[in-house]
């Protein structure tokens, strides 16, 4: 099985944020969560709300343009 970019999820105190997603993106999050659960030996997939957060964190952490802009401030 291929290695996913997203590893185990760290549980932190949440801040509530409400967003609307296209149905197609929601379905992809559900599917990604299922693959993530199988890959990481979880008994059940995470909910789309829980899987989206580390995905966004990973995206921000690997965005070179954002990192460069952050260093310039």
C-alpha atoms as a PDB file:
ATOM      1  CA  UNK A   1       0.000   0.000   0.000  1.00  0.00           C
ATOM      2  CA  UNK A   2       1.260   3.479  -0.778  1.00  0.00           C
ATOM      3  CA  UNK A   3       2.302   5.777   2.026  1.00  0.00           C
ATOM      4  CA  UNK A   4      -0.121   8.610   2.766  1.00  0.00           C
ATOM      5  CA  UNK A   5       1.110  12.128   3.468  1.00  0.00           C
ATOM      6  CA  UNK A   6      -1.021  12.190   6.592  1.00  0.00           C
ATOM      7  CA  UNK A   7       0.197  10.165   9.565  1.00  0.00           C
ATOM      8  CA  UNK A   8      -1.333   9.616  13.004  1.00  0.00           C
ATOM      9  CA  UNK A   9      -3.607  12.400  14.285  1.00  0.00           C
ATOM     10  CA  UNK A  10      -2.753  14.337  17.462  1.00  0.00           C
ATOM     11  CA  UNK A  11      -5.768  15.281  19.562  1.00  0.00           C
ATOM     12  CA  UNK A  12      -5.790  18.943  20.666  1.00  0.00           C
ATOM     13  CA  UNK A  13      -8.400  21.245  22.159  1.00  0.00           C
ATOM     14  CA  UNK A  14     -10.560  22.339  19.215  1.00  0.00           C
ATOM     15  CA  UNK A  15     -11.786  25.756  18.134  1.00  0.00           C
ATOM     16  CA  UNK A  16     -15.148  25.579  16.379  1.00  0.00           C
ATOM     17  CA  UNK A  17     -15.173  26.668  12.734  1.00  0.00           C
ATOM     18  CA  UNK A  18     -18.096  26.190  10.377  1.00  0.00           C
ATOM     19  CA  UNK A  19     -17.506  25.845   6.633  1.00  0.00           C
ATOM     20  CA  UNK A  20     -19.472  24.573   3.662  1.00  0.00           C
ATOM     21  CA  UNK A  21     -17.893  22.001   1.350  1.00  0.00           C
ATOM     22  CA  UNK A  22     -18.936  20.810  -2.073  1.00  0.00           C
ATOM     23  CA  UNK A  23     -20.478  17.332  -1.932  1.00  0.00           C
ATOM     24  CA  UNK A  24     -17.653  15.917  -4.036  1.00  0.00           C
ATOM     25  CA  UNK A  25     -15.019  17.147  -1.577  1.00  0.00           C
ATOM     26  CA  UNK A  26     -16.959  15.700   1.357  1.00  0.00           C
ATOM     27  CA  UNK A  27     -17.085  12.307  -0.377  1.00  0.00           C
ATOM     28  CA  UNK A  28     -13.326  12.464  -0.998  1.00  0.00           C
ATOM     29  CA  UNK A  29     -12.675  13.308   2.669  1.00  0.00           C
ATOM     30  CA  UNK A  30     -14.771  10.298   3.722  1.00  0.00           C
ATOM     31  CA  UNK A  31     -12.882   8.059   1.293  1.00  0.00           C
ATOM     32  CA  UNK A  32      -9.492   9.446   2.388  1.00  0.00           C
ATOM     33  CA  UNK A  33     -10.439   8.866   6.047  1.00  0.00           C
ATOM     34  CA  UNK A  34     -11.238   5.220   5.260  1.00  0.00           C
ATOM     35  CA  UNK A  35      -7.858   4.692   3.559  1.00  0.00           C
ATOM     36  CA  UNK A  36      -6.120   6.561   6.406  1.00  0.00           C
ATOM     37  CA  UNK A  37      -7.800   4.306   8.979  1.00  0.00           C
ATOM     38  CA  UNK A  38      -6.716   1.125   7.162  1.00  0.00           C
ATOM     39  CA  UNK A  39      -3.174   2.446   6.695  1.00  0.00           C
ATOM     40  CA  UNK A  40      -2.795   3.455  10.352  1.00  0.00           C
ATOM     41  CA  UNK A  41      -4.604   0.492  11.912  1.00  0.00           C
ATOM     42  CA  UNK A  42      -7.573   2.456  13.241  1.00  0.00           C
ATOM     43  CA  UNK A  43     -10.750   0.537  14.035  1.00  0.00           C
ATOM     44  CA  UNK A  44     -12.908   3.268  12.462  1.00  0.00           C
ATOM     45  CA  UNK A  45     -12.208   6.140  10.075  1.00  0.00           C
ATOM     46  CA  UNK A  46     -12.064   9.653  11.447  1.00  0.00           C
ATOM     47  CA  UNK A  47     -14.951  11.943  10.591  1.00  0.00           C
ATOM     48  CA  UNK A  48     -14.453  14.425   7.747  1.00  0.00           C
ATOM     49  CA  UNK A  49     -14.211  17.215  10.346  1.00  0.00           C
ATOM     50  CA  UNK A  50     -11.360  15.459  12.151  1.00  0.00           C
ATOM     51  CA  UNK A  51      -9.426  14.392   9.026  1.00  0.00           C
ATOM     52  CA  UNK A  52      -9.637  17.843   7.382  1.00  0.00           C
ATOM     53  CA  UNK A  53      -7.768  19.613  10.185  1.00  0.00           C
ATOM     54  CA  UNK A  54      -4.471  17.693   9.922  1.00  0.00           C
ATOM     55  CA  UNK A  55      -4.724  17.858   6.138  1.00  0.00           C
ATOM     56  CA  UNK A  56      -4.919  21.653   6.307  1.00  0.00           C
ATOM     57  CA  UNK A  57      -2.071  21.721   8.840  1.00  0.00           C
ATOM     58  CA  UNK A  58       0.062  19.572   6.537  1.00  0.00           C
ATOM     59  CA  UNK A  59      -0.736  21.794   3.574  1.00  0.00           C
ATOM     60  CA  UNK A  60       0.291  24.942   5.460  1.00  0.00           C
ATOM     61  CA  UNK A  61       3.445  23.305   6.846  1.00  0.00           C
ATOM     62  CA  UNK A  62       4.625  22.320   3.354  1.00  0.00           C
ATOM     63  CA  UNK A  63       3.674  25.518   1.496  1.00  0.00           C
ATOM     64  CA  UNK A  64       7.038  27.066   0.622  1.00  0.00           C
ATOM     65  CA  UNK A  65       5.534  30.358  -0.495  1.00  0.00           C
ATOM     66  CA  UNK A  66       3.761  30.750   2.826  1.00  0.00           C
ATOM     67  CA  UNK A  67       6.925  29.855   4.740  1.00  0.00           C
ATOM     68  CA  UNK A  68       8.920  32.460   2.789  1.00  0.00           C
ATOM     69  CA  UNK A  69       6.277  35.144   3.389  1.00  0.00           C
ATOM     70  CA  UNK A  70       6.212  34.271   7.075  1.00  0.00           C
ATOM     71  CA  UNK A  71       9.986  34.666   7.365  1.00  0.00           C
ATOM     72  CA  UNK A  72       9.800  38.088   5.699  1.00  0.00           C
ATOM     73  CA  UNK A  73       7.423  39.603   8.235  1.00  0.00           C
END
